[in-house]
Protein backbone atom coordinates (compact mmCIF):
# COMPACT_ATOMS: atom_id res chain seq x y z
CA MET A 1 75.68 34.20 -46.62
CA LYS A 2 73.71 34.85 -43.26
CA LYS A 3 71.85 31.84 -42.38
CA LYS A 4 67.91 32.92 -41.37
CA MET A 5 67.15 31.65 -37.31
CA GLY A 6 63.13 30.69 -37.64
CA ARG A 7 61.05 27.92 -36.32
CA GLY A 8 61.90 24.21 -36.83
CA LYS A 9 59.22 22.61 -38.64
CA ILE A 10 58.08 19.40 -37.19
CA GLU A 11 56.31 16.25 -38.18
CA ILE A 12 52.61 16.24 -37.92
CA LYS A 13 51.77 13.43 -36.20
CA LYS A 14 49.50 12.28 -33.05
CA ILE A 15 51.60 13.79 -30.07
CA GLU A 16 51.72 10.12 -27.23
CA ASN A 17 52.56 11.88 -23.90
CA THR A 18 49.00 12.91 -23.07
CA ASN A 19 50.62 16.24 -21.14
CA SER A 20 52.59 17.37 -24.03
CA ARG A 21 48.98 16.80 -25.81
CA GLN A 22 46.91 18.84 -23.59
CA VAL A 23 48.94 21.93 -23.63
CA THR A 24 49.79 21.62 -27.22
CA PHE A 25 45.67 21.66 -27.95
CA SER A 26 45.54 24.69 -25.40
CA LYS A 27 48.21 26.82 -27.33
CA ARG A 28 46.85 25.86 -30.76
CA ARG A 29 42.96 26.49 -29.84
CA ALA A 30 44.10 29.86 -28.80
CA GLY A 31 45.77 30.46 -31.39
CA LEU A 32 43.32 29.47 -34.04
CA LEU A 33 41.04 31.48 -32.28
CA LYS A 34 42.73 34.40 -31.77
CA LYS A 35 43.23 33.42 -35.97
CA ALA A 36 39.76 33.36 -36.57
CA GLN A 37 39.01 36.74 -35.02
CA GLU A 38 41.57 38.31 -36.59
CA LEU A 39 40.07 37.27 -39.85
CA ALA A 40 36.86 38.77 -39.18
CA ILE A 41 37.85 41.90 -38.13
CA LEU A 42 40.61 42.62 -40.91
CA CYS A 43 38.34 41.20 -43.64
CA ASP A 44 34.60 41.95 -42.40
CA ALA A 45 34.01 38.13 -42.64
CA GLU A 46 31.83 35.82 -40.58
CA VAL A 47 33.69 33.25 -39.24
CA VAL A 48 32.78 30.25 -37.24
CA VAL A 49 35.02 27.81 -35.42
CA ILE A 50 33.95 24.90 -33.58
CA VAL A 51 36.47 22.54 -32.10
CA PHE A 52 35.43 19.66 -29.86
CA SER A 53 38.39 18.30 -27.31
CA ASN A 54 39.14 14.88 -26.83
CA THR A 55 37.26 14.45 -23.68
CA GLY A 56 34.31 16.37 -25.86
CA LYS A 57 34.61 19.89 -24.31
CA LEU A 58 33.26 22.41 -26.80
CA PHE A 59 35.30 25.20 -27.75
CA GLU A 60 33.91 28.11 -30.53
CA PHE A 61 34.44 31.28 -31.95
CA SER A 62 31.57 33.11 -33.91
CA SER A 63 31.90 37.31 -35.19
CA ALA A 64 28.24 37.34 -34.99
CA GLY A 65 28.36 37.98 -31.68
CA GLY A 66 25.61 36.93 -28.96
CA CYS A 67 25.37 33.41 -29.68
CA PHE A 68 25.97 30.81 -32.05
CA CYS A 69 23.82 28.46 -33.43
CA PHE A 70 23.99 25.67 -36.66
CA PRO A 71 20.31 25.49 -37.28
CA CYS A 72 19.93 29.80 -37.16
CA PHE A 73 23.70 29.59 -38.92
CA LEU A 74 22.30 27.73 -41.45
CA LEU A 75 18.13 29.60 -41.83
CA GLY A 76 19.93 32.88 -41.47
CA SER A 77 17.41 33.39 -38.43
CA CYS A 78 16.46 31.69 -35.65
CA LYS A 79 13.30 29.63 -36.35
CA CYS A 80 13.90 26.91 -34.00
CA GLN A 81 12.02 27.77 -31.51
CA SER A 82 14.12 25.50 -29.08
CA LEU A 83 15.24 26.80 -25.24
CA HIS A 84 18.33 25.16 -26.01
CA CYS A 85 18.85 27.52 -29.13
CA CYS A 86 21.61 29.86 -28.90
CA SER A 87 22.57 28.88 -25.70
CA ILE A 88 26.60 29.21 -26.35
CA VAL A 89 27.38 32.54 -25.56
CA VAL A 90 30.64 34.32 -26.60
């Protein structure tokens, strides 16, 4: 019987080395955002992904295009009349 080569499983726990943790975060974040985009295209779904790094930096994806604001998303249209609304541009 032929043995299949594949990716090994990793233990899911906090990565203690800060450099390794940052590299892993960047790669997995990019992969997550790519998968969100693919899901939106393939399934014609509205997808929103919001990720905060451990330093508080925001990364987001919205299949709606243009901008994303939680109040607007929840209400279905922009009713907050805020200058800060829709300031996160894709």
